[in-house]
Structure formats: structure tokens, C-alpha cells
Amino acid sequence: MWMAKGSNAEPVYPPRDRAGHGNAIDGITQVSGVSNPDDESNDPAKIADRYDQILVSAKAGDVVFFGGHILHRSKKNFSTDRVRRSFVGHFCNARSWTQWGGDGPETTDLVTGMTNSAHILARGDTHLPFARPRFGTPCAALLFAEDRRRVSENAAAIMGDMDSGLMGAMPSDPNVVHDHK
């Protein structure tokens, strides 16, 4: 996978659909061909080419973590007998409006293009639609609305253990100053 070093400073470019429409944002260029491996038809590839490219070599079974704002791409797959596969997980605020990951009309709002109803609420609470896990995986999506709100309030007071550097639950005090030398 190729990463465009420093491209995370770019704005988030809204997609333009096949008919030439999209969510217009003043001063931000819309892009098309986002998933097209042909760099000539892929608008973000042209933006990424302004930056130094770093190759992250990954073998089958490897895991790569990176910030979602970094422009990244896999170039053409030259294998004649298999396809390239990946599992992508996105983590975002529970109140984030999403426009990707819908499986069709049943999970995509046909007016707004919102696909939140296809996404599972891992924690927190939201006024937006969300899905429930198919296999009963414990998460906020399975809680009643008032329980989600209560848990969400508690989650705001929890952070990683600053002393050990390990992720864990511990009460946090916003008035405590941590000295990180």
C-alpha cells in the first residue's frame, strides 16, 4: 500500500457521484474515481502525487493501522489467479454522519445518501440511525436508549492509564496536570 506522506493536511474531499453531483462544500473540490485503480481516472491519486510516496509492504495476514485522513492507495493487482482483499474498520464519533458502507437501499437514505443505518454503534449515543450486530456482540447498539446515554456520560470520564501507558479504564480528572517528560 502506498501512503502520501503529509497528505493528512489536505481537506476531506467530498465525492462526486456518476451524474456529477455530490455534497458541495464551498472552496473544496469534489472528487471522482476514488476506488478506480487507474490513476488517470482517480482524482485523489492526482492530489496524492503532490506528496512523497511511501510504500508500506504488507504480506497476507498483516495488519496496517493508519489515520484515515492520509491519502493511500494500492496500485494495480497483477495476479492472474486471485483478487486482493482487505478488511477495513473505521472508528468515528457516534454522531458522525457517514456516506460510505451502505449495502443498498435498505441501509442508504435515498434522499441524503446517509448510510448510518448500516453502521454499528460500538459505544456512545446518537440521534442518527444505526445497525445492531448480527451475532449479539456486546456493544452500545444493544442497549436501551437511556442506558446508552448513561454509559456515554461515564465514558466521557474515562481515559487510558497515563502512568503505565496501557489502555485501561481509570477515572479522569480534567483539573489534574500530567507532566510528560
N, C-alpha and C. Protein backbone atom coordinates (compact mmCIF):
# COMPACT_ATOMS: atom_id res chain seq x y z
N MET A 1 0.84 -1.16 0.00
CA MET A 1 0.00 0.00 0.00
C MET A 1 0.89 1.23 0.00
N TRP A 2 0.50 2.21 -0.77
CA TRP A 2 1.25 3.45 -0.87
C TRP A 2 0.58 4.52 -0.03
N MET A 3 1.38 5.25 0.75
CA MET A 3 0.89 6.34 1.58
C MET A 3 1.52 7.64 1.07
N ALA A 4 0.71 8.68 1.00
CA ALA A 4 1.20 10.00 0.58
C ALA A 4 1.58 10.77 1.85
N LYS A 5 2.88 10.79 2.14
CA LYS A 5 3.40 11.41 3.37
C LYS A 5 3.04 12.89 3.44
N GLY A 6 2.32 13.29 4.51
CA GLY A 6 1.94 14.67 4.70
C GLY A 6 0.57 15.02 4.13
N SER A 7 -0.06 14.08 3.43
CA SER A 7 -1.35 14.38 2.80
C SER A 7 -2.49 14.50 3.81
N ASN A 8 -2.24 14.12 5.04
CA ASN A 8 -3.27 14.24 6.06
C ASN A 8 -3.64 15.71 6.32
N ALA A 9 -2.83 16.64 5.81
CA ALA A 9 -3.13 18.07 5.95
C ALA A 9 -4.15 18.55 4.91
N GLU A 10 -4.43 17.70 3.93
CA GLU A 10 -5.42 18.04 2.90
C GLU A 10 -6.82 18.06 3.51
N PRO A 11 -7.75 18.80 2.91
CA PRO A 11 -9.14 18.73 3.39
C PRO A 11 -9.73 17.37 3.03
N VAL A 12 -10.85 17.06 3.62
CA VAL A 12 -11.58 15.84 3.24
C VAL A 12 -12.37 16.21 1.99
N TYR A 13 -12.07 15.53 0.89
CA TYR A 13 -12.71 15.84 -0.38
C TYR A 13 -14.02 15.08 -0.52
N PRO A 14 -15.14 15.78 -0.74
CA PRO A 14 -16.42 15.09 -0.91
C PRO A 14 -16.48 14.39 -2.27
N PRO A 15 -17.12 13.23 -2.31
CA PRO A 15 -17.21 12.50 -3.59
C PRO A 15 -18.25 13.12 -4.52
N ARG A 16 -17.96 13.04 -5.81
CA ARG A 16 -18.91 13.44 -6.84
C ARG A 16 -19.47 12.14 -7.40
N ASP A 17 -20.79 12.03 -7.49
CA ASP A 17 -21.36 10.78 -7.99
C ASP A 17 -21.25 10.71 -9.52
N ARG A 18 -21.69 9.60 -10.08
CA ARG A 18 -21.55 9.39 -11.53
C ARG A 18 -22.27 10.45 -12.36
N ALA A 19 -23.34 11.03 -11.79
CA ALA A 19 -24.09 12.05 -12.52
C ALA A 19 -23.45 13.43 -12.36
N GLY A 20 -22.34 13.50 -11.59
CA GLY A 20 -21.66 14.77 -11.42
C GLY A 20 -22.12 15.55 -10.21
N HIS A 21 -22.96 14.94 -9.37
CA HIS A 21 -23.46 15.60 -8.17
C HIS A 21 -22.70 15.11 -6.95
N GLY A 22 -22.89 15.76 -5.84
CA GLY A 22 -22.27 15.36 -4.59
C GLY A 22 -22.61 16.37 -3.52
N ASN A 23 -21.99 16.26 -2.38
CA ASN A 23 -22.21 17.23 -1.32
C ASN A 23 -21.23 18.37 -1.48
N ALA A 24 -21.68 19.45 -2.08
CA ALA A 24 -20.81 20.59 -2.36
C ALA A 24 -20.47 21.33 -1.07
N ILE A 25 -19.21 21.66 -0.92
CA ILE A 25 -18.72 22.45 0.20
C ILE A 25 -17.94 23.60 -0.41
N ASP A 26 -18.29 24.82 -0.03
CA ASP A 26 -17.63 25.99 -0.61
C ASP A 26 -16.11 25.89 -0.50
N GLY A 27 -15.42 26.06 -1.61
CA GLY A 27 -13.97 26.09 -1.63
C GLY A 27 -13.30 24.73 -1.62
N ILE A 28 -14.07 23.65 -1.55
CA ILE A 28 -13.49 22.31 -1.53
C ILE A 28 -13.85 21.61 -2.84
N THR A 29 -12.86 21.11 -3.53
CA THR A 29 -13.06 20.42 -4.80
C THR A 29 -13.65 19.03 -4.56
N GLN A 30 -14.66 18.68 -5.34
CA GLN A 30 -15.21 17.33 -5.27
C GLN A 30 -14.35 16.40 -6.12
N VAL A 31 -14.34 15.13 -5.76
CA VAL A 31 -13.50 14.15 -6.46
C VAL A 31 -14.35 12.99 -6.98
N SER A 32 -13.82 12.32 -7.97
CA SER A 32 -14.47 11.12 -8.50
C SER A 32 -13.41 10.07 -8.76
N GLY A 33 -13.86 8.86 -9.04
CA GLY A 33 -12.95 7.76 -9.34
C GLY A 33 -12.15 7.29 -8.14
N VAL A 34 -12.66 7.52 -6.94
CA VAL A 34 -11.91 7.25 -5.71
C VAL A 34 -11.42 5.80 -5.64
N SER A 35 -12.24 4.85 -6.06
CA SER A 35 -11.85 3.44 -5.98
C SER A 35 -11.28 2.89 -7.27
N ASN A 36 -11.09 3.74 -8.25
CA ASN A 36 -10.58 3.30 -9.54
C ASN A 36 -9.06 3.15 -9.48
N PRO A 37 -8.52 1.94 -9.75
CA PRO A 37 -7.07 1.75 -9.68
C PRO A 37 -6.31 2.48 -10.80
N ASP A 38 -7.03 2.94 -11.81
CA ASP A 38 -6.41 3.69 -12.90
C ASP A 38 -6.18 5.12 -12.43
N ASP A 39 -4.92 5.51 -12.22
CA ASP A 39 -4.59 6.82 -11.67
C ASP A 39 -5.13 7.97 -12.52
N GLU A 40 -5.31 7.76 -13.81
CA GLU A 40 -5.82 8.83 -14.67
C GLU A 40 -7.28 9.15 -14.37
N SER A 41 -8.04 8.17 -13.89
CA SER A 41 -9.46 8.35 -13.60
C SER A 41 -9.72 8.57 -12.12
N ASN A 42 -8.69 8.59 -11.30
CA ASN A 42 -8.82 8.67 -9.86
C ASN A 42 -8.34 10.05 -9.40
N ASP A 43 -9.30 10.96 -9.09
CA ASP A 43 -8.93 12.32 -8.71
C ASP A 43 -8.02 12.40 -7.47
N PRO A 44 -8.28 11.62 -6.39
CA PRO A 44 -7.38 11.71 -5.23
C PRO A 44 -5.95 11.26 -5.54
N ALA A 45 -5.76 10.39 -6.53
CA ALA A 45 -4.41 9.97 -6.91
C ALA A 45 -3.60 11.17 -7.39
N LYS A 46 -4.25 12.07 -8.11
CA LYS A 46 -3.56 13.27 -8.60
C LYS A 46 -3.16 14.17 -7.43
N ILE A 47 -4.00 14.23 -6.40
CA ILE A 47 -3.68 15.03 -5.21
C ILE A 47 -2.54 14.35 -4.45
N ALA A 48 -2.60 13.03 -4.30
CA ALA A 48 -1.57 12.28 -3.58
C ALA A 48 -0.21 12.42 -4.27
N ASP A 49 -0.21 12.56 -5.57
CA ASP A 49 1.05 12.66 -6.32
C ASP A 49 1.83 13.93 -6.00
N ARG A 50 1.21 14.88 -5.32
CA ARG A 50 1.93 16.09 -4.90
C ARG A 50 2.87 15.82 -3.71
N TYR A 51 2.71 14.65 -3.11
CA TYR A 51 3.46 14.31 -1.90
C TYR A 51 4.43 13.16 -2.15
N ASP A 52 5.45 13.05 -1.28
CA ASP A 52 6.33 11.89 -1.33
C ASP A 52 5.50 10.65 -1.04
N GLN A 53 5.75 9.59 -1.80
CA GLN A 53 5.02 8.34 -1.62
C GLN A 53 5.88 7.35 -0.84
N ILE A 54 5.28 6.72 0.15
CA ILE A 54 5.97 5.71 0.96
C ILE A 54 5.27 4.38 0.74
N LEU A 55 6.03 3.35 0.41
CA LEU A 55 5.47 2.01 0.23
C LEU A 55 5.46 1.29 1.57
N VAL A 56 4.27 0.85 1.99
CA VAL A 56 4.13 0.03 3.19
C VAL A 56 3.90 -1.38 2.69
N SER A 57 4.92 -2.20 2.83
CA SER A 57 4.84 -3.57 2.34
C SER A 57 4.10 -4.43 3.35
N ALA A 58 3.06 -5.10 2.90
CA ALA A 58 2.27 -5.96 3.77
C ALA A 58 2.05 -7.30 3.10
N LYS A 59 2.29 -8.36 3.86
CA LYS A 59 2.05 -9.71 3.35
C LYS A 59 0.66 -10.17 3.77
N ALA A 60 0.18 -11.24 3.18
CA ALA A 60 -1.12 -11.79 3.54
C ALA A 60 -1.18 -12.00 5.06
N GLY A 61 -2.25 -11.51 5.67
CA GLY A 61 -2.43 -11.65 7.10
C GLY A 61 -1.89 -10.49 7.93
N ASP A 62 -1.10 -9.61 7.31
CA ASP A 62 -0.57 -8.44 8.04
C ASP A 62 -1.70 -7.44 8.32
N VAL A 63 -1.48 -6.62 9.34
CA VAL A 63 -2.42 -5.56 9.69
C VAL A 63 -1.69 -4.24 9.58
N VAL A 64 -2.34 -3.25 8.98
CA VAL A 64 -1.77 -1.92 8.83
C VAL A 64 -2.75 -0.93 9.46
N PHE A 65 -2.26 -0.14 10.40
CA PHE A 65 -3.07 0.91 11.02
C PHE A 65 -2.55 2.26 10.55
N PHE A 66 -3.45 3.14 10.19
CA PHE A 66 -3.05 4.50 9.79
C PHE A 66 -4.24 5.42 9.93
N GLY A 67 -3.96 6.70 10.02
CA GLY A 67 -5.02 7.70 10.13
C GLY A 67 -5.82 7.78 8.84
N GLY A 68 -7.12 7.89 8.98
CA GLY A 68 -8.00 7.90 7.82
C GLY A 68 -7.87 9.10 6.91
N HIS A 69 -7.18 10.15 7.35
CA HIS A 69 -7.03 11.33 6.50
C HIS A 69 -5.80 11.25 5.60
N ILE A 70 -4.99 10.21 5.74
CA ILE A 70 -3.82 10.05 4.88
C ILE A 70 -4.28 9.47 3.54
N LEU A 71 -3.93 10.14 2.46
CA LEU A 71 -4.27 9.60 1.14
C LEU A 71 -3.44 8.34 0.93
N HIS A 72 -4.11 7.26 0.59
CA HIS A 72 -3.45 5.97 0.44
C HIS A 72 -4.08 5.22 -0.73
N ARG A 73 -3.31 4.30 -1.29
CA ARG A 73 -3.82 3.53 -2.42
C ARG A 73 -3.00 2.27 -2.62
N SER A 74 -3.66 1.31 -3.18
CA SER A 74 -2.97 0.11 -3.65
C SER A 74 -3.01 0.20 -5.16
N LYS A 75 -1.90 -0.02 -5.76
CA LYS A 75 -1.86 0.09 -7.22
C LYS A 75 -2.41 -1.20 -7.84
N LYS A 76 -2.38 -1.28 -9.13
CA LYS A 76 -2.98 -2.40 -9.86
C LYS A 76 -2.47 -3.75 -9.35
N ASN A 77 -3.40 -4.68 -9.23
CA ASN A 77 -3.07 -6.05 -8.83
C ASN A 77 -2.73 -6.84 -10.10
N PHE A 78 -1.51 -7.37 -10.16
CA PHE A 78 -1.07 -8.08 -11.37
C PHE A 78 -1.26 -9.59 -11.29
N SER A 79 -1.84 -10.07 -10.19
CA SER A 79 -2.08 -11.50 -10.05
C SER A 79 -3.12 -11.94 -11.08
N THR A 80 -2.90 -13.09 -11.67
CA THR A 80 -3.85 -13.60 -12.67
C THR A 80 -4.84 -14.58 -12.07
N ASP A 81 -4.58 -15.06 -10.83
CA ASP A 81 -5.45 -16.10 -10.27
C ASP A 81 -6.11 -15.74 -8.93
N ARG A 82 -5.95 -14.51 -8.44
CA ARG A 82 -6.61 -14.15 -7.18
C ARG A 82 -6.80 -12.63 -7.11
N VAL A 83 -7.74 -12.24 -6.27
CA VAL A 83 -8.03 -10.82 -6.09
C VAL A 83 -7.40 -10.36 -4.78
N ARG A 84 -7.18 -9.09 -4.67
CA ARG A 84 -6.68 -8.50 -3.43
C ARG A 84 -7.89 -8.28 -2.53
N ARG A 85 -7.73 -8.65 -1.26
CA ARG A 85 -8.83 -8.48 -0.31
C ARG A 85 -8.34 -7.70 0.90
N SER A 86 -9.27 -6.99 1.51
CA SER A 86 -8.92 -6.28 2.74
C SER A 86 -10.16 -6.16 3.61
N PHE A 87 -9.92 -6.00 4.89
CA PHE A 87 -10.98 -5.69 5.84
C PHE A 87 -10.67 -4.30 6.37
N VAL A 88 -11.61 -3.41 6.26
CA VAL A 88 -11.39 -2.03 6.68
C VAL A 88 -12.34 -1.72 7.83
N GLY A 89 -11.79 -1.22 8.91
CA GLY A 89 -12.61 -0.79 10.04
C GLY A 89 -12.42 0.70 10.26
N HIS A 90 -13.50 1.42 10.35
CA HIS A 90 -13.45 2.86 10.60
C HIS A 90 -14.02 3.13 11.99
N PHE A 91 -13.35 3.95 12.75
CA PHE A 91 -13.84 4.36 14.05
C PHE A 91 -14.10 5.86 14.00
N CYS A 92 -15.28 6.27 14.43
CA CYS A 92 -15.60 7.69 14.41
C CYS A 92 -16.58 8.00 15.53
N ASN A 93 -16.78 9.26 15.78
CA ASN A 93 -17.72 9.71 16.78
C ASN A 93 -19.10 9.14 16.47
N ALA A 94 -19.86 8.76 17.49
CA ALA A 94 -21.18 8.17 17.31
C ALA A 94 -22.13 9.09 16.56
N ARG A 95 -21.87 10.38 16.59
CA ARG A 95 -22.74 11.34 15.92
C ARG A 95 -22.22 11.75 14.55
N SER A 96 -21.24 10.99 14.03
CA SER A 96 -20.70 11.29 12.70
C SER A 96 -21.67 10.83 11.62
N TRP A 97 -21.98 11.71 10.71
CA TRP A 97 -22.82 11.38 9.56
C TRP A 97 -21.94 10.68 8.54
N THR A 98 -22.33 9.50 8.10
CA THR A 98 -21.49 8.77 7.15
C THR A 98 -22.19 8.59 5.81
N GLN A 99 -21.38 8.48 4.78
CA GLN A 99 -21.89 8.31 3.43
C GLN A 99 -21.19 7.14 2.74
N TRP A 100 -20.65 6.19 3.53
CA TRP A 100 -19.99 5.03 2.95
C TRP A 100 -20.34 3.80 3.76
N GLY A 101 -20.30 2.66 3.13
CA GLY A 101 -20.54 1.41 3.82
C GLY A 101 -21.95 0.90 3.75
N GLY A 102 -22.83 1.56 3.02
CA GLY A 102 -24.20 1.07 2.89
C GLY A 102 -24.26 -0.10 1.94
N ASP A 103 -25.17 -1.04 2.22
CA ASP A 103 -25.29 -2.22 1.38
C ASP A 103 -26.36 -2.09 0.31
N GLY A 104 -27.06 -0.99 0.27
CA GLY A 104 -28.11 -0.82 -0.72
C GLY A 104 -29.22 0.04 -0.19
N PRO A 105 -30.38 0.03 -0.87
CA PRO A 105 -31.48 0.91 -0.50
C PRO A 105 -31.96 0.72 0.94
N GLU A 106 -31.84 -0.49 1.47
CA GLU A 106 -32.32 -0.73 2.84
C GLU A 106 -31.43 -0.08 3.90
N THR A 107 -30.20 0.25 3.58
CA THR A 107 -29.31 0.90 4.55
C THR A 107 -28.84 2.28 4.11
N THR A 108 -29.31 2.73 2.96
CA THR A 108 -28.91 4.04 2.46
C THR A 108 -30.13 4.93 2.32
N ASP A 109 -30.09 6.11 2.94
CA ASP A 109 -31.17 7.07 2.78
C ASP A 109 -31.08 7.61 1.35
N LEU A 110 -32.11 7.37 0.56
CA LEU A 110 -32.07 7.72 -0.86
C LEU A 110 -32.07 9.21 -1.11
N VAL A 111 -32.50 10.02 -0.15
CA VAL A 111 -32.51 11.48 -0.33
C VAL A 111 -31.16 12.08 0.03
N THR A 112 -30.62 11.70 1.21
CA THR A 112 -29.37 12.33 1.69
C THR A 112 -28.13 11.53 1.37
N GLY A 113 -28.27 10.23 1.06
CA GLY A 113 -27.11 9.37 0.84
C GLY A 113 -26.49 8.87 2.14
N MET A 114 -27.09 9.22 3.30
CA MET A 114 -26.55 8.80 4.59
C MET A 114 -26.65 7.28 4.74
N THR A 115 -25.58 6.67 5.26
CA THR A 115 -25.55 5.21 5.43
C THR A 115 -25.39 4.80 6.89
N ASN A 116 -25.68 5.69 7.82
CA ASN A 116 -25.50 5.38 9.24
C ASN A 116 -26.25 4.12 9.66
N SER A 117 -27.38 3.83 9.05
CA SER A 117 -28.16 2.66 9.47
C SER A 117 -27.44 1.35 9.16
N ALA A 118 -26.31 1.39 8.46
CA ALA A 118 -25.52 0.20 8.19
C ALA A 118 -24.37 0.04 9.18
N HIS A 119 -24.16 1.02 10.06
CA HIS A 119 -23.02 1.04 10.95
C HIS A 119 -23.43 0.68 12.37
N ILE A 120 -22.58 -0.04 13.07
CA ILE A 120 -22.87 -0.48 14.43
C ILE A 120 -22.33 0.53 15.43
N LEU A 121 -23.15 0.89 16.38
CA LEU A 121 -22.79 1.82 17.44
C LEU A 121 -22.04 1.05 18.51
N ALA A 122 -20.71 1.19 18.53
CA ALA A 122 -19.89 0.44 19.49
C ALA A 122 -20.04 1.00 20.90
N ARG A 123 -20.05 2.32 21.01
CA ARG A 123 -20.28 2.97 22.30
C ARG A 123 -20.80 4.37 22.06
N GLY A 124 -21.29 4.99 23.11
CA GLY A 124 -21.84 6.32 22.98
C GLY A 124 -23.31 6.30 22.62
N ASP A 125 -23.83 7.44 22.27
CA ASP A 125 -25.24 7.58 21.92
C ASP A 125 -25.34 8.54 20.74
N THR A 126 -26.41 8.43 20.00
CA THR A 126 -26.59 9.26 18.82
C THR A 126 -28.07 9.40 18.49
N HIS A 127 -28.40 10.47 17.81
CA HIS A 127 -29.75 10.66 17.30
C HIS A 127 -29.88 10.06 15.90
N LEU A 128 -28.76 9.63 15.32
CA LEU A 128 -28.76 9.07 13.97
C LEU A 128 -29.12 7.59 13.99
N PRO A 129 -29.60 7.04 12.89
CA PRO A 129 -29.90 5.60 12.85
C PRO A 129 -28.62 4.79 12.94
N PHE A 130 -28.72 3.56 13.43
CA PHE A 130 -27.56 2.67 13.48
C PHE A 130 -28.04 1.23 13.42
N ALA A 131 -27.11 0.34 13.10
CA ALA A 131 -27.43 -1.08 12.98
C ALA A 131 -27.18 -1.80 14.30
N ARG A 132 -27.70 -3.01 14.40
CA ARG A 132 -27.43 -3.87 15.55
C ARG A 132 -26.56 -5.03 15.03
N PRO A 133 -25.58 -5.48 15.84
CA PRO A 133 -24.73 -6.58 15.37
C PRO A 133 -25.56 -7.84 15.16
N ARG A 134 -25.23 -8.60 14.17
CA ARG A 134 -25.99 -9.80 13.82
C ARG A 134 -25.76 -10.95 14.79
N PHE A 135 -24.63 -10.95 15.48
CA PHE A 135 -24.29 -12.10 16.31
C PHE A 135 -24.31 -11.78 17.80
N GLY A 136 -24.97 -10.70 18.20
CA GLY A 136 -25.10 -10.38 19.61
C GLY A 136 -23.85 -9.87 20.28
N THR A 137 -22.89 -9.39 19.51
CA THR A 137 -21.65 -8.85 20.07
C THR A 137 -22.00 -7.72 21.03
N PRO A 138 -21.51 -7.80 22.30
CA PRO A 138 -21.87 -6.74 23.25
C PRO A 138 -21.35 -5.38 22.78
N CYS A 139 -22.26 -4.41 22.71
CA CYS A 139 -21.90 -3.06 22.33
C CYS A 139 -23.08 -2.14 22.64
N ALA A 140 -22.88 -0.85 22.51
CA ALA A 140 -23.92 0.13 22.82
C ALA A 140 -25.18 -0.06 21.98
N ALA A 141 -25.03 -0.60 20.78
CA ALA A 141 -26.18 -0.77 19.90
C ALA A 141 -27.23 -1.69 20.50
N LEU A 142 -26.85 -2.53 21.45
CA LEU A 142 -27.79 -3.47 22.06
C LEU A 142 -28.45 -2.91 23.33
N LEU A 143 -28.02 -1.73 23.77
CA LEU A 143 -28.56 -1.13 24.99
C LEU A 143 -29.81 -0.31 24.69
N PHE A 144 -30.66 -0.17 25.71
CA PHE A 144 -31.80 0.74 25.59
C PHE A 144 -31.26 2.17 25.54
N ALA A 145 -32.03 3.09 24.96
CA ALA A 145 -31.58 4.48 24.76
C ALA A 145 -31.11 5.13 26.06
N GLU A 146 -31.84 4.97 27.16
CA GLU A 146 -31.42 5.62 28.41
C GLU A 146 -30.14 5.00 28.96
N ASP A 147 -29.93 3.70 28.75
CA ASP A 147 -28.67 3.07 29.16
C ASP A 147 -27.50 3.55 28.30
N ARG A 148 -27.75 3.74 26.99
CA ARG A 148 -26.69 4.28 26.12
C ARG A 148 -26.27 5.66 26.58
N ARG A 149 -27.24 6.51 26.92
CA ARG A 149 -26.93 7.86 27.39
C ARG A 149 -26.13 7.82 28.69
N ARG A 150 -26.52 6.95 29.64
CA ARG A 150 -25.82 6.85 30.91
C ARG A 150 -24.38 6.37 30.69
N VAL A 151 -24.22 5.33 29.90
CA VAL A 151 -22.89 4.80 29.62
C VAL A 151 -22.04 5.83 28.88
N SER A 152 -22.66 6.57 27.98
CA SER A 152 -21.95 7.59 27.22
C SER A 152 -21.41 8.68 28.15
N GLU A 153 -22.20 9.08 29.14
CA GLU A 153 -21.74 10.09 30.10
C GLU A 153 -20.56 9.58 30.91
N ASN A 154 -20.61 8.28 31.31
CA ASN A 154 -19.50 7.69 32.05
C ASN A 154 -18.25 7.58 31.19
N ALA A 155 -18.42 7.27 29.91
CA ALA A 155 -17.28 7.10 29.02
C ALA A 155 -16.50 8.40 28.87
N ALA A 156 -17.18 9.52 28.99
CA ALA A 156 -16.50 10.81 28.87
C ALA A 156 -15.53 11.04 30.02
N ALA A 157 -15.72 10.32 31.14
CA ALA A 157 -14.86 10.49 32.31
C ALA A 157 -13.79 9.41 32.41
N ILE A 158 -13.58 8.64 31.34
CA ILE A 158 -12.61 7.54 31.38
C ILE A 158 -11.56 7.76 30.30
N MET A 159 -10.33 7.40 30.60
CA MET A 159 -9.26 7.52 29.61
C MET A 159 -8.23 6.44 29.87
N GLY A 160 -7.21 6.36 29.04
CA GLY A 160 -6.14 5.38 29.23
C GLY A 160 -5.32 5.70 30.48
N ASP A 161 -4.71 4.69 31.04
CA ASP A 161 -3.88 4.83 32.24
C ASP A 161 -2.62 5.61 31.88
N MET A 162 -2.53 6.84 32.34
CA MET A 162 -1.41 7.71 31.98
C MET A 162 -0.10 7.26 32.60
N ASP A 163 -0.14 6.57 33.76
CA ASP A 163 1.08 6.17 34.44
C ASP A 163 1.78 4.99 33.74
N SER A 164 1.00 3.98 33.34
CA SER A 164 1.61 2.80 32.74
C SER A 164 1.71 2.91 31.22
N GLY A 165 0.92 3.79 30.62
CA GLY A 165 0.90 3.90 29.17
C GLY A 165 0.00 2.87 28.53
N LEU A 166 -0.62 2.00 29.34
CA LEU A 166 -1.51 0.98 28.81
C LEU A 166 -2.93 1.51 28.73
N MET A 167 -3.69 0.98 27.78
CA MET A 167 -5.08 1.37 27.69
C MET A 167 -5.84 0.62 28.76
N GLY A 168 -6.63 1.31 29.50
CA GLY A 168 -7.44 0.71 30.54
C GLY A 168 -8.40 1.77 31.02
N ALA A 169 -9.28 1.38 31.90
CA ALA A 169 -10.24 2.33 32.42
C ALA A 169 -9.76 2.87 33.75
N MET A 170 -9.78 4.16 33.88
CA MET A 170 -9.49 4.80 35.15
C MET A 170 -10.20 6.14 35.16
N PRO A 171 -10.69 6.55 36.32
CA PRO A 171 -11.36 7.85 36.36
C PRO A 171 -10.39 8.95 35.97
N SER A 172 -10.87 9.94 35.28
CA SER A 172 -10.02 11.05 34.91
C SER A 172 -10.50 12.32 35.57
N ASP A 173 -9.57 13.17 35.87
CA ASP A 173 -9.89 14.46 36.46
C ASP A 173 -9.34 15.52 35.52
N PRO A 174 -10.20 16.32 34.88
CA PRO A 174 -9.72 17.31 33.91
C PRO A 174 -8.85 18.39 34.53
N ASN A 175 -8.86 18.50 35.88
CA ASN A 175 -8.08 19.53 36.55
C ASN A 175 -6.67 19.10 36.90
N VAL A 176 -6.36 17.79 36.73
CA VAL A 176 -5.03 17.28 37.03
C VAL A 176 -4.11 17.56 35.84
N VAL A 177 -2.93 18.08 36.14
CA VAL A 177 -1.93 18.34 35.10
C VAL A 177 -0.96 17.17 35.09
N HIS A 178 -0.77 16.55 33.92
CA HIS A 178 0.15 15.43 33.79
C HIS A 178 1.47 15.96 33.23
N ASP A 179 2.56 15.59 33.89
CA ASP A 179 3.88 16.01 33.46
C ASP A 179 4.48 14.91 32.60
N HIS A 180 4.51 15.10 31.29
CA HIS A 180 5.07 14.09 30.36
C HIS A 180 6.42 14.56 29.88
N LYS A 181 7.46 14.00 30.47
CA LYS A 181 8.81 14.39 30.06
C LYS A 181 9.42 13.32 29.21
